[in-house]
């Protein structure tokens, strides 16, 4: 069985796409993160929505936590978050904000 987990990658509150993970190739997506989330929330085939704090991943601490919290409140779908999660406090804050799954860094 194939499970679909659409992704929203964030840099400075904008939905972006990187080519092969290179930050200098960042391209703003046509849809905002909110618009993408609303679209993915309507799809019955999506099991969860994956959101990545790209600057958090690069800098090794969460930078989009407040914005991600507002995104989580927009959907009934389970949300998985990654990027910059290196401490138990960050993990607990995401779970308290309604995040269902977290991808932790190797340091955690």
PDB file of N, CA and C in Angstrom:
ATOM      1  N   UNK A   1       0.841  -1.170   0.000  1.00  0.00           N
ATOM      2  CA  UNK A   1       0.000   0.000   0.000  1.00  0.00           C
ATOM      3  C   UNK A   1       0.897   1.246   0.000  1.00  0.00           C
ATOM      4  N   UNK A   2       0.548   2.183  -0.822  1.00  0.00           N
ATOM      5  CA  UNK A   2       1.271   3.446  -0.895  1.00  0.00           C
ATOM      6  C   UNK A   2       0.528   4.486  -0.067  1.00  0.00           C
ATOM      7  N   UNK A   3       1.281   5.200   0.734  1.00  0.00           N
ATOM      8  CA  UNK A   3       0.701   6.284   1.532  1.00  0.00           C
ATOM      9  C   UNK A   3       1.264   7.601   1.000  1.00  0.00           C
ATOM     10  N   UNK A   4       0.394   8.571   0.859  1.00  0.00           N
ATOM     11  CA  UNK A   4       0.805   9.886   0.376  1.00  0.00           C
ATOM     12  C   UNK A   4       0.904  10.865   1.533  1.00  0.00           C
ATOM     13  N   UNK A   5       2.044  11.506   1.645  1.00  0.00           N
ATOM     14  CA  UNK A   5       2.262  12.530   2.655  1.00  0.00           C
ATOM     15  C   UNK A   5       2.771  13.764   1.937  1.00  0.00           C
ATOM     16  N   UNK A   6       1.877  14.639   1.503  1.00  0.00           N
ATOM     17  CA  UNK A   6       2.340  15.845   0.817  1.00  0.00           C
ATOM     18  C   UNK A   6       3.170  16.710   1.759  1.00  0.00           C
ATOM     19  N   UNK A   7       4.134  17.401   1.182  1.00  0.00           N
ATOM     20  CA  UNK A   7       5.069  18.189   1.985  1.00  0.00           C
ATOM     21  C   UNK A   7       4.933  19.679   1.709  1.00  0.00           C
ATOM     22  N   UNK A   8       5.117  20.442   2.766  1.00  0.00           N
ATOM     23  CA  UNK A   8       5.208  21.901   2.677  1.00  0.00           C
ATOM     24  C   UNK A   8       6.543  22.278   3.297  1.00  0.00           C
ATOM     25  N   UNK A   9       7.441  22.786   2.478  1.00  0.00           N
ATOM     26  CA  UNK A   9       8.755  23.219   2.949  1.00  0.00           C
ATOM     27  C   UNK A   9       8.728  24.720   3.158  1.00  0.00           C
ATOM     28  N   UNK A  10       9.198  25.167   4.315  1.00  0.00           N
ATOM     29  CA  UNK A  10       9.105  26.578   4.694  1.00  0.00           C
ATOM     30  C   UNK A  10      10.470  27.237   4.839  1.00  0.00           C
ATOM     31  N   UNK A  11      10.565  28.441   4.299  1.00  0.00           N
ATOM     32  CA  UNK A  11      11.676  29.357   4.572  1.00  0.00           C
ATOM     33  C   UNK A  11      11.058  30.729   4.786  1.00  0.00           C
ATOM     34  N   UNK A  12      11.294  31.292   5.955  1.00  0.00           N
ATOM     35  CA  UNK A  12      10.788  32.629   6.298  1.00  0.00           C
ATOM     36  C   UNK A  12       9.289  32.761   6.055  1.00  0.00           C
ATOM     37  N   UNK A  13       8.541  31.736   6.437  1.00  0.00           N
ATOM     38  CA  UNK A  13       7.087  31.778   6.324  1.00  0.00           C
ATOM     39  C   UNK A  13       6.549  31.601   4.919  1.00  0.00           C
ATOM     40  N   UNK A  14       7.401  31.239   3.983  1.00  0.00           N
ATOM     41  CA  UNK A  14       6.955  31.017   2.609  1.00  0.00           C
ATOM     42  C   UNK A  14       7.155  29.567   2.215  1.00  0.00           C
ATOM     43  N   UNK A  15       6.230  29.067   1.422  1.00  0.00           N
ATOM     44  CA  UNK A  15       6.323  27.720   0.898  1.00  0.00           C
ATOM     45  C   UNK A  15       7.303  27.741  -0.274  1.00  0.00           C
ATOM     46  N   UNK A  16       8.324  26.890  -0.190  1.00  0.00           N
ATOM     47  CA  UNK A  16       9.393  26.892  -1.201  1.00  0.00           C
ATOM     48  C   UNK A  16       9.714  25.476  -1.649  1.00  0.00           C
ATOM     49  N   UNK A  17      10.513  25.425  -2.700  1.00  0.00           N
ATOM     50  CA  UNK A  17      11.053  24.161  -3.188  1.00  0.00           C
ATOM     51  C   UNK A  17      12.547  24.351  -3.387  1.00  0.00           C
ATOM     52  N   UNK A  18      13.320  23.366  -2.959  1.00  0.00           N
ATOM     53  CA  UNK A  18      14.758  23.364  -3.187  1.00  0.00           C
ATOM     54  C   UNK A  18      15.082  22.307  -4.235  1.00  0.00           C
ATOM     55  N   UNK A  19      16.119  22.539  -4.999  1.00  0.00           N
ATOM     56  CA  UNK A  19      16.597  21.533  -5.937  1.00  0.00           C
ATOM     57  C   UNK A  19      17.740  20.780  -5.280  1.00  0.00           C
ATOM     58  N   UNK A  20      17.548  19.475  -5.117  1.00  0.00           N
ATOM     59  CA  UNK A  20      18.544  18.596  -4.515  1.00  0.00           C
ATOM     60  C   UNK A  20      19.037  19.106  -3.160  1.00  0.00           C
ATOM     61  N   UNK A  21      18.157  19.769  -2.410  1.00  0.00           N
ATOM     62  CA  UNK A  21      18.478  20.216  -1.057  1.00  0.00           C
ATOM     63  C   UNK A  21      19.387  21.427  -0.964  1.00  0.00           C
ATOM     64  N   UNK A  22      19.641  22.094  -2.072  1.00  0.00           N
ATOM     65  CA  UNK A  22      20.527  23.261  -2.068  1.00  0.00           C
ATOM     66  C   UNK A  22      19.710  24.532  -1.805  1.00  0.00           C
ATOM     67  N   UNK A  23      20.030  25.199  -0.709  1.00  0.00           N
ATOM     68  CA  UNK A  23      19.276  26.381  -0.286  1.00  0.00           C
ATOM     69  C   UNK A  23      19.350  27.517  -1.304  1.00  0.00           C
ATOM     70  N   UNK A  24      20.436  27.622  -2.020  1.00  0.00           N
ATOM     71  CA  UNK A  24      20.574  28.703  -3.006  1.00  0.00           C
ATOM     72  C   UNK A  24      19.662  28.503  -4.219  1.00  0.00           C
ATOM     73  N   UNK A  25      19.021  27.333  -4.331  1.00  0.00           N
ATOM     74  CA  UNK A  25      18.087  27.082  -5.430  1.00  0.00           C
ATOM     75  C   UNK A  25      16.636  27.323  -5.012  1.00  0.00           C
ATOM     76  N   UNK A  26      16.419  27.901  -3.841  1.00  0.00           N
ATOM     77  CA  UNK A  26      15.076  28.095  -3.297  1.00  0.00           C
ATOM     78  C   UNK A  26      14.178  28.839  -4.287  1.00  0.00           C
ATOM     79  N   UNK A  27      13.012  28.247  -4.552  1.00  0.00           N
ATOM     80  CA  UNK A  27      12.008  28.879  -5.412  1.00  0.00           C
ATOM     81  C   UNK A  27      10.687  28.927  -4.664  1.00  0.00           C
ATOM     82  N   UNK A  28      10.084  30.094  -4.633  1.00  0.00           N
ATOM     83  CA  UNK A  28       8.786  30.260  -3.985  1.00  0.00           C
ATOM     84  C   UNK A  28       7.729  29.490  -4.778  1.00  0.00           C
ATOM     85  N   UNK A  29       6.888  28.756  -4.059  1.00  0.00           N
ATOM     86  CA  UNK A  29       5.815  27.997  -4.701  1.00  0.00           C
ATOM     87  C   UNK A  29       4.664  28.927  -5.075  1.00  0.00           C
ATOM     88  N   UNK A  30       3.853  28.499  -6.040  1.00  0.00           N
ATOM     89  CA  UNK A  30       2.718  29.318  -6.475  1.00  0.00           C
ATOM     90  C   UNK A  30       1.681  29.461  -5.373  1.00  0.00           C
ATOM     91  N   UNK A  31       1.453  28.386  -4.630  1.00  0.00           N
ATOM     92  CA  UNK A  31       0.488  28.429  -3.525  1.00  0.00           C
ATOM     93  C   UNK A  31       1.212  28.794  -2.233  1.00  0.00           C
ATOM     94  N   UNK A  32       0.516  29.533  -1.376  1.00  0.00           N
ATOM     95  CA  UNK A  32       1.043  29.777  -0.038  1.00  0.00           C
ATOM     96  C   UNK A  32       0.961  28.471   0.755  1.00  0.00           C
ATOM     97  N   UNK A  33       1.612  28.438   1.889  1.00  0.00           N
ATOM     98  CA  UNK A  33       1.528  27.258   2.748  1.00  0.00           C
ATOM     99  C   UNK A  33       0.080  27.012   3.174  1.00  0.00           C
ATOM    100  N   UNK A  34      -0.650  28.089   3.463  1.00  0.00           N
ATOM    101  CA  UNK A  34      -2.050  27.961   3.858  1.00  0.00           C
ATOM    102  C   UNK A  34      -2.888  27.359   2.736  1.00  0.00           C
ATOM    103  N   UNK A  35      -2.681  27.848   1.516  1.00  0.00           N
ATOM    104  CA  UNK A  35      -3.435  27.330   0.375  1.00  0.00           C
ATOM    105  C   UNK A  35      -3.116  25.857   0.127  1.00  0.00           C
ATOM    106  N   UNK A  36      -1.844  25.496   0.227  1.00  0.00           N
ATOM    107  CA  UNK A  36      -1.453  24.096   0.047  1.00  0.00           C
ATOM    108  C   UNK A  36      -2.067  23.227   1.131  1.00  0.00           C
ATOM    109  N   UNK A  37      -2.010  23.690   2.355  1.00  0.00           N
ATOM    110  CA  UNK A  37      -2.570  22.930   3.467  1.00  0.00           C
ATOM    111  C   UNK A  37      -4.068  22.718   3.287  1.00  0.00           C
ATOM    112  N   UNK A  38      -4.768  23.755   2.881  1.00  0.00           N
ATOM    113  CA  UNK A  38      -6.209  23.639   2.646  1.00  0.00           C
ATOM    114  C   UNK A  38      -6.503  22.620   1.547  1.00  0.00           C
ATOM    115  N   UNK A  39      -5.707  22.641   0.475  1.00  0.00           N
ATOM    116  CA  UNK A  39      -5.881  21.686  -0.622  1.00  0.00           C
ATOM    117  C   UNK A  39      -5.610  20.262  -0.144  1.00  0.00           C
ATOM    118  N   UNK A  40      -4.482  20.055   0.534  1.00  0.00           N
ATOM    119  CA  UNK A  40      -4.129  18.720   1.017  1.00  0.00           C
ATOM    120  C   UNK A  40      -5.149  18.204   2.034  1.00  0.00           C
ATOM    121  N   UNK A  41      -5.723  19.083   2.805  1.00  0.00           N
ATOM    122  CA  UNK A  41      -6.703  18.692   3.820  1.00  0.00           C
ATOM    123  C   UNK A  41      -7.968  18.120   3.204  1.00  0.00           C
ATOM    124  N   UNK A  42      -8.248  18.477   1.959  1.00  0.00           N
ATOM    125  CA  UNK A  42      -9.449  17.996   1.277  1.00  0.00           C
ATOM    126  C   UNK A  42      -9.251  16.641   0.613  1.00  0.00           C
ATOM    127  N   UNK A  43      -8.015  16.191   0.477  1.00  0.00           N
ATOM    128  CA  UNK A  43      -7.720  14.954  -0.238  1.00  0.00           C
ATOM    129  C   UNK A  43      -7.849  13.753   0.690  1.00  0.00           C
ATOM    130  N   UNK A  44      -8.741  12.850   0.339  1.00  0.00           N
ATOM    131  CA  UNK A  44      -8.973  11.663   1.164  1.00  0.00           C
ATOM    132  C   UNK A  44      -7.767  10.727   1.155  1.00  0.00           C
ATOM    133  N   UNK A  45      -6.941  10.792   0.131  1.00  0.00           N
ATOM    134  CA  UNK A  45      -5.813   9.864   0.021  1.00  0.00           C
ATOM    135  C   UNK A  45      -4.596  10.286   0.850  1.00  0.00           C
ATOM    136  N   UNK A  46      -4.603  11.493   1.404  1.00  0.00           N
ATOM    137  CA  UNK A  46      -3.485  11.961   2.218  1.00  0.00           C
ATOM    138  C   UNK A  46      -3.652  11.485   3.662  1.00  0.00           C
ATOM    139  N   UNK A  47      -2.690  10.698   4.143  1.00  0.00           N
ATOM    140  CA  UNK A  47      -2.745  10.201   5.516  1.00  0.00           C
ATOM    141  C   UNK A  47      -2.286  11.236   6.534  1.00  0.00           C
ATOM    142  N   UNK A  48      -1.342  12.075   6.126  1.00  0.00           N
ATOM    143  CA  UNK A  48      -0.825  13.129   6.993  1.00  0.00           C
ATOM    144  C   UNK A  48      -0.156  14.177   6.124  1.00  0.00           C
ATOM    145  N   UNK A  49       0.105  15.319   6.719  1.00  0.00           N
ATOM    146  CA  UNK A  49       0.763  16.409   6.003  1.00  0.00           C
ATOM    147  C   UNK A  49       2.121  16.648   6.652  1.00  0.00           C
ATOM    148  N   UNK A  50       3.134  16.717   5.822  1.00  0.00           N
ATOM    149  CA  UNK A  50       4.524  16.841   6.260  1.00  0.00           C
ATOM    150  C   UNK A  50       4.960  18.298   6.084  1.00  0.00           C
ATOM    151  N   UNK A  51       5.415  18.930   7.164  1.00  0.00           N
ATOM    152  CA  UNK A  51       5.878  20.321   7.115  1.00  0.00           C
ATOM    153  C   UNK A  51       7.320  20.363   7.593  1.00  0.00           C
ATOM    154  N   UNK A  52       8.171  21.031   6.815  1.00  0.00           N
ATOM    155  CA  UNK A  52       9.585  21.112   7.164  1.00  0.00           C
ATOM    156  C   UNK A  52      10.013  22.565   7.330  1.00  0.00           C
ATOM    157  N   UNK A  53      10.626  22.852   8.452  1.00  0.00           N
ATOM    158  CA  UNK A  53      11.249  24.143   8.744  1.00  0.00           C
ATOM    159  C   UNK A  53      12.675  24.062   8.197  1.00  0.00           C
ATOM    160  N   UNK A  54      12.871  24.509   6.958  1.00  0.00           N
ATOM    161  CA  UNK A  54      14.174  24.345   6.306  1.00  0.00           C
ATOM    162  C   UNK A  54      15.290  25.147   6.978  1.00  0.00           C
ATOM    163  N   UNK A  55      14.987  26.361   7.406  1.00  0.00           N
ATOM    164  CA  UNK A  55      16.011  27.150   8.101  1.00  0.00           C
ATOM    165  C   UNK A  55      16.295  26.526   9.462  1.00  0.00           C
ATOM    166  N   UNK A  56      15.268  26.010  10.113  1.00  0.00           N
ATOM    167  CA  UNK A  56      15.466  25.296  11.370  1.00  0.00           C
ATOM    168  C   UNK A  56      16.391  24.103  11.188  1.00  0.00           C
ATOM    169  N   UNK A  57      16.196  23.359  10.095  1.00  0.00           N
ATOM    170  CA  UNK A  57      17.069  22.219   9.815  1.00  0.00           C
ATOM    171  C   UNK A  57      18.508  22.681   9.600  1.00  0.00           C
ATOM    172  N   UNK A  58      18.660  23.758   8.871  1.00  0.00           N
ATOM    173  CA  UNK A  58      20.001  24.281   8.572  1.00  0.00           C
ATOM    174  C   UNK A  58      20.688  24.828   9.826  1.00  0.00           C
ATOM    175  N   UNK A  59      19.938  25.569  10.640  1.00  0.00           N
ATOM    176  CA  UNK A  59      20.517  26.233  11.821  1.00  0.00           C
ATOM    177  C   UNK A  59      20.455  25.383  13.092  1.00  0.00           C
ATOM    178  N   UNK A  60      19.810  24.237  13.003  1.00  0.00           N
ATOM    179  CA  UNK A  60      19.701  23.276  14.104  1.00  0.00           C
ATOM    180  C   UNK A  60      18.869  23.774  15.279  1.00  0.00           C
ATOM    181  N   UNK A  61      17.895  24.633  15.018  1.00  0.00           N
ATOM    182  CA  UNK A  61      16.890  24.996  16.030  1.00  0.00           C
ATOM    183  C   UNK A  61      15.645  25.477  15.281  1.00  0.00           C
ATOM    184  N   UNK A  62      14.490  25.222  15.869  1.00  0.00           N
ATOM    185  CA  UNK A  62      13.221  25.550  15.217  1.00  0.00           C
ATOM    186  C   UNK A  62      13.075  27.060  15.047  1.00  0.00           C
ATOM    187  N   UNK A  63      12.742  27.492  13.832  1.00  0.00           N
ATOM    188  CA  UNK A  63      12.550  28.915  13.564  1.00  0.00           C
ATOM    189  C   UNK A  63      11.121  29.243  13.131  1.00  0.00           C
ATOM    190  N   UNK A  64      10.372  28.248  12.708  1.00  0.00           N
ATOM    191  CA  UNK A  64       9.017  28.465  12.182  1.00  0.00           C
ATOM    192  C   UNK A  64       7.933  27.927  13.114  1.00  0.00           C
ATOM    193  N   UNK A  65       8.263  27.678  14.379  1.00  0.00           N
ATOM    194  CA  UNK A  65       7.327  27.012  15.297  1.00  0.00           C
ATOM    195  C   UNK A  65       5.992  27.744  15.422  1.00  0.00           C
ATOM    196  N   UNK A  66       6.026  29.050  15.559  1.00  0.00           N
ATOM    197  CA  UNK A  66       4.780  29.811  15.717  1.00  0.00           C
ATOM    198  C   UNK A  66       3.928  29.720  14.454  1.00  0.00           C
ATOM    199  N   UNK A  67       4.560  29.861  13.310  1.00  0.00           N
ATOM    200  CA  UNK A  67       3.836  29.770  12.040  1.00  0.00           C
ATOM    201  C   UNK A  67       3.288  28.360  11.833  1.00  0.00           C
ATOM    202  N   UNK A  68       4.087  27.360  12.148  1.00  0.00           N
ATOM    203  CA  UNK A  68       3.631  25.978  12.004  1.00  0.00           C
ATOM    204  C   UNK A  68       2.423  25.721  12.899  1.00  0.00           C
ATOM    205  N   UNK A  69       2.412  26.305  14.075  1.00  0.00           N
ATOM    206  CA  UNK A  69       1.261  26.154  14.970  1.00  0.00           C
ATOM    207  C   UNK A  69      -0.010  26.687  14.303  1.00  0.00           C
ATOM    208  N   UNK A  70       0.069  27.820  13.623  1.00  0.00           N
ATOM    209  CA  UNK A  70      -1.112  28.353  12.931  1.00  0.00           C
ATOM    210  C   UNK A  70      -1.531  27.444  11.789  1.00  0.00           C
ATOM    211  N   UNK A  71      -0.569  26.827  11.124  1.00  0.00           N
ATOM    212  CA  UNK A  71      -0.908  25.904  10.039  1.00  0.00           C
ATOM    213  C   UNK A  71      -1.610  24.662  10.582  1.00  0.00           C
ATOM    214  N   UNK A  72      -1.117  24.126  11.683  1.00  0.00           N
ATOM    215  CA  UNK A  72      -1.701  22.925  12.283  1.00  0.00           C
ATOM    216  C   UNK A  72      -3.169  23.160  12.644  1.00  0.00           C
ATOM    217  N   UNK A  73      -3.486  24.356  13.084  1.00  0.00           N
ATOM    218  CA  UNK A  73      -4.858  24.676  13.480  1.00  0.00           C
ATOM    219  C   UNK A  73      -5.810  24.742  12.290  1.00  0.00           C
ATOM    220  N   UNK A  74      -5.278  24.768  11.060  1.00  0.00           N
ATOM    221  CA  UNK A  74      -6.103  24.863   9.855  1.00  0.00           C
ATOM    222  C   UNK A  74      -6.584  23.517   9.336  1.00  0.00           C
ATOM    223  N   UNK A  75      -6.096  22.420   9.896  1.00  0.00           N
ATOM    224  CA  UNK A  75      -6.425  21.118   9.329  1.00  0.00           C
ATOM    225  C   UNK A  75      -6.808  20.102  10.398  1.00  0.00           C
ATOM    226  N   UNK A  76      -7.606  19.137   9.972  1.00  0.00           N
ATOM    227  CA  UNK A  76      -7.941  18.008  10.833  1.00  0.00           C
ATOM    228  C   UNK A  76      -7.026  16.816  10.551  1.00  0.00           C
ATOM    229  N   UNK A  77      -6.225  16.910   9.505  1.00  0.00           N
ATOM    230  CA  UNK A  77      -5.293  15.835   9.159  1.00  0.00           C
ATOM    231  C   UNK A  77      -4.146  15.788  10.163  1.00  0.00           C
ATOM    232  N   UNK A  78      -3.598  14.613  10.408  1.00  0.00           N
ATOM    233  CA  UNK A  78      -2.388  14.544  11.219  1.00  0.00           C
ATOM    234  C   UNK A  78      -1.259  15.327  10.534  1.00  0.00           C
ATOM    235  N   UNK A  79      -0.450  16.000  11.336  1.00  0.00           N
ATOM    236  CA  UNK A  79       0.658  16.795  10.810  1.00  0.00           C
ATOM    237  C   UNK A  79       1.964  16.271  11.386  1.00  0.00           C
ATOM    238  N   UNK A  80       2.937  16.140  10.491  1.00  0.00           N
ATOM    239  CA  UNK A  80       4.291  15.721  10.850  1.00  0.00           C
ATOM    240  C   UNK A  80       5.213  16.908  10.596  1.00  0.00           C
ATOM    241  N   UNK A  81       6.085  17.220  11.558  1.00  0.00           N
ATOM    242  CA  UNK A  81       6.982  18.372  11.435  1.00  0.00           C
ATOM    243  C   UNK A  81       8.425  17.920  11.574  1.00  0.00           C
ATOM    244  N   UNK A  82       9.271  18.513  10.766  1.00  0.00           N
ATOM    245  CA  UNK A  82      10.706  18.275  10.852  1.00  0.00           C
ATOM    246  C   UNK A  82      11.460  19.572  10.666  1.00  0.00           C
ATOM    247  N   UNK A  83      12.705  19.556  11.067  1.00  0.00           N
ATOM    248  CA  UNK A  83      13.566  20.721  10.873  1.00  0.00           C
ATOM    249  C   UNK A  83      13.862  21.444  12.165  1.00  0.00           C
ATOM    250  N   UNK A  84      15.064  21.262  12.680  1.00  0.00           N
ATOM    251  CA  UNK A  84      15.494  22.004  13.855  1.00  0.00           C
ATOM    252  C   UNK A  84      15.010  21.468  15.187  1.00  0.00           C
ATOM    253  N   UNK A  85      14.466  20.283  15.197  1.00  0.00           N
ATOM    254  CA  UNK A  85      13.968  19.715  16.456  1.00  0.00           C
ATOM    255  C   UNK A  85      15.125  18.976  17.117  1.00  0.00           C
ATOM    256  N   UNK A  86      15.747  19.638  18.091  1.00  0.00           N
ATOM    257  CA  UNK A  86      16.938  19.072  18.728  1.00  0.00           C
ATOM    258  C   UNK A  86      16.802  18.927  20.245  1.00  0.00           C
ATOM    259  N   UNK A  87      15.716  19.456  20.811  1.00  0.00           N
ATOM    260  CA  UNK A  87      15.567  19.406  22.259  1.00  0.00           C
ATOM    261  C   UNK A  87      14.196  18.860  22.637  1.00  0.00           C
ATOM    262  N   UNK A  88      14.124  18.370  23.851  1.00  0.00           N
ATOM    263  CA  UNK A  88      12.848  17.882  24.373  1.00  0.00           C
ATOM    264  C   UNK A  88      11.845  19.029  24.478  1.00  0.00           C
ATOM    265  N   UNK A  89      12.313  20.218  24.816  1.00  0.00           N
ATOM    266  CA  UNK A  89      11.411  21.370  24.943  1.00  0.00           C
ATOM    267  C   UNK A  89      10.757  21.698  23.603  1.00  0.00           C
ATOM    268  N   UNK A  90      11.519  21.652  22.534  1.00  0.00           N
ATOM    269  CA  UNK A  90      10.957  21.910  21.205  1.00  0.00           C
ATOM    270  C   UNK A  90       9.941  20.841  20.846  1.00  0.00           C
ATOM    271  N   UNK A  91      10.282  19.618  21.140  1.00  0.00           N
ATOM    272  CA  UNK A  91       9.380  18.495  20.874  1.00  0.00           C
ATOM    273  C   UNK A  91       8.063  18.671  21.625  1.00  0.00           C
ATOM    274  N   UNK A  92       8.164  18.969  22.905  1.00  0.00           N
ATOM    275  CA  UNK A  92       6.960  19.157  23.728  1.00  0.00           C
ATOM    276  C   UNK A  92       6.123  20.343  23.235  1.00  0.00           C
ATOM    277  N   UNK A  93       6.786  21.404  22.816  1.00  0.00           N
ATOM    278  CA  UNK A  93       6.066  22.580  22.316  1.00  0.00           C
ATOM    279  C   UNK A  93       5.289  22.233  21.045  1.00  0.00           C
ATOM    280  N   UNK A  94       5.898  21.487  20.151  1.00  0.00           N
ATOM    281  CA  UNK A  94       5.186  21.083  18.931  1.00  0.00           C
ATOM    282  C   UNK A  94       3.995  20.186  19.269  1.00  0.00           C
ATOM    283  N   UNK A  95       4.186  19.223  20.158  1.00  0.00           N
ATOM    284  CA  UNK A  95       3.073  18.349  20.521  1.00  0.00           C
ATOM    285  C   UNK A  95       1.957  19.132  21.209  1.00  0.00           C
ATOM    286  N   UNK A  96       2.310  20.080  22.050  1.00  0.00           N
ATOM    287  CA  UNK A  96       1.309  20.921  22.718  1.00  0.00           C
ATOM    288  C   UNK A  96       0.549  21.778  21.715  1.00  0.00           C
ATOM    289  N   UNK A  97       1.202  22.111  20.594  1.00  0.00           N
ATOM    290  CA  UNK A  97       0.572  22.927  19.548  1.00  0.00           C
ATOM    291  C   UNK A  97      -0.320  22.102  18.629  1.00  0.00           C
ATOM    292  N   UNK A  98      -0.352  20.776  18.837  1.00  0.00           N
ATOM    293  CA  UNK A  98      -1.225  19.934  18.033  1.00  0.00           C
ATOM    294  C   UNK A  98      -0.535  19.120  16.969  1.00  0.00           C
ATOM    295  N   UNK A  99       0.785  19.198  16.885  1.00  0.00           N
ATOM    296  CA  UNK A  99       1.525  18.382  15.929  1.00  0.00           C
ATOM    297  C   UNK A  99       1.418  16.925  16.365  1.00  0.00           C
ATOM    298  N   UNK A 100       1.212  16.029  15.394  1.00  0.00           N
ATOM    299  CA  UNK A 100       1.033  14.619  15.710  1.00  0.00           C
ATOM    300  C   UNK A 100       2.322  13.807  15.660  1.00  0.00           C
ATOM    301  N   UNK A 101       3.232  14.188  14.762  1.00  0.00           N
ATOM    302  CA  UNK A 101       4.487  13.464  14.580  1.00  0.00           C
ATOM    303  C   UNK A 101       5.614  14.468  14.437  1.00  0.00           C
ATOM    304  N   UNK A 102       6.785  14.125  14.980  1.00  0.00           N
ATOM    305  CA  UNK A 102       7.970  14.966  14.828  1.00  0.00           C
ATOM    306  C   UNK A 102       9.142  14.137  14.336  1.00  0.00           C
ATOM    307  N   UNK A 103       9.913  14.727  13.459  1.00  0.00           N
ATOM    308  CA  UNK A 103      11.145  14.121  12.991  1.00  0.00           C
ATOM    309  C   UNK A 103      12.258  14.822  13.765  1.00  0.00           C
ATOM    310  N   UNK A 104      12.991  14.052  14.551  1.00  0.00           N
ATOM    311  CA  UNK A 104      14.017  14.664  15.391  1.00  0.00           C
ATOM    312  C   UNK A 104      15.383  14.548  14.727  1.00  0.00           C
ATOM    313  N   UNK A 105      16.225  15.534  15.011  1.00  0.00           N
ATOM    314  CA  UNK A 105      17.579  15.534  14.491  1.00  0.00           C
ATOM    315  C   UNK A 105      18.429  14.511  15.215  1.00  0.00           C
ATOM    316  N   UNK A 106      19.563  14.192  14.639  1.00  0.00           N
ATOM    317  CA  UNK A 106      20.439  13.186  15.223  1.00  0.00           C
ATOM    318  C   UNK A 106      20.927  13.600  16.606  1.00  0.00           C
ATOM    319  N   UNK A 107      21.063  14.894  16.859  1.00  0.00           N
ATOM    320  CA  UNK A 107      21.507  15.376  18.167  1.00  0.00           C
ATOM    321  C   UNK A 107      20.483  15.040  19.248  1.00  0.00           C
ATOM    322  N   UNK A 108      19.195  15.081  18.878  1.00  0.00           N
ATOM    323  CA  UNK A 108      18.146  14.780  19.851  1.00  0.00           C
ATOM    324  C   UNK A 108      18.251  13.333  20.288  1.00  0.00           C
TER     325      UNK A 108
END
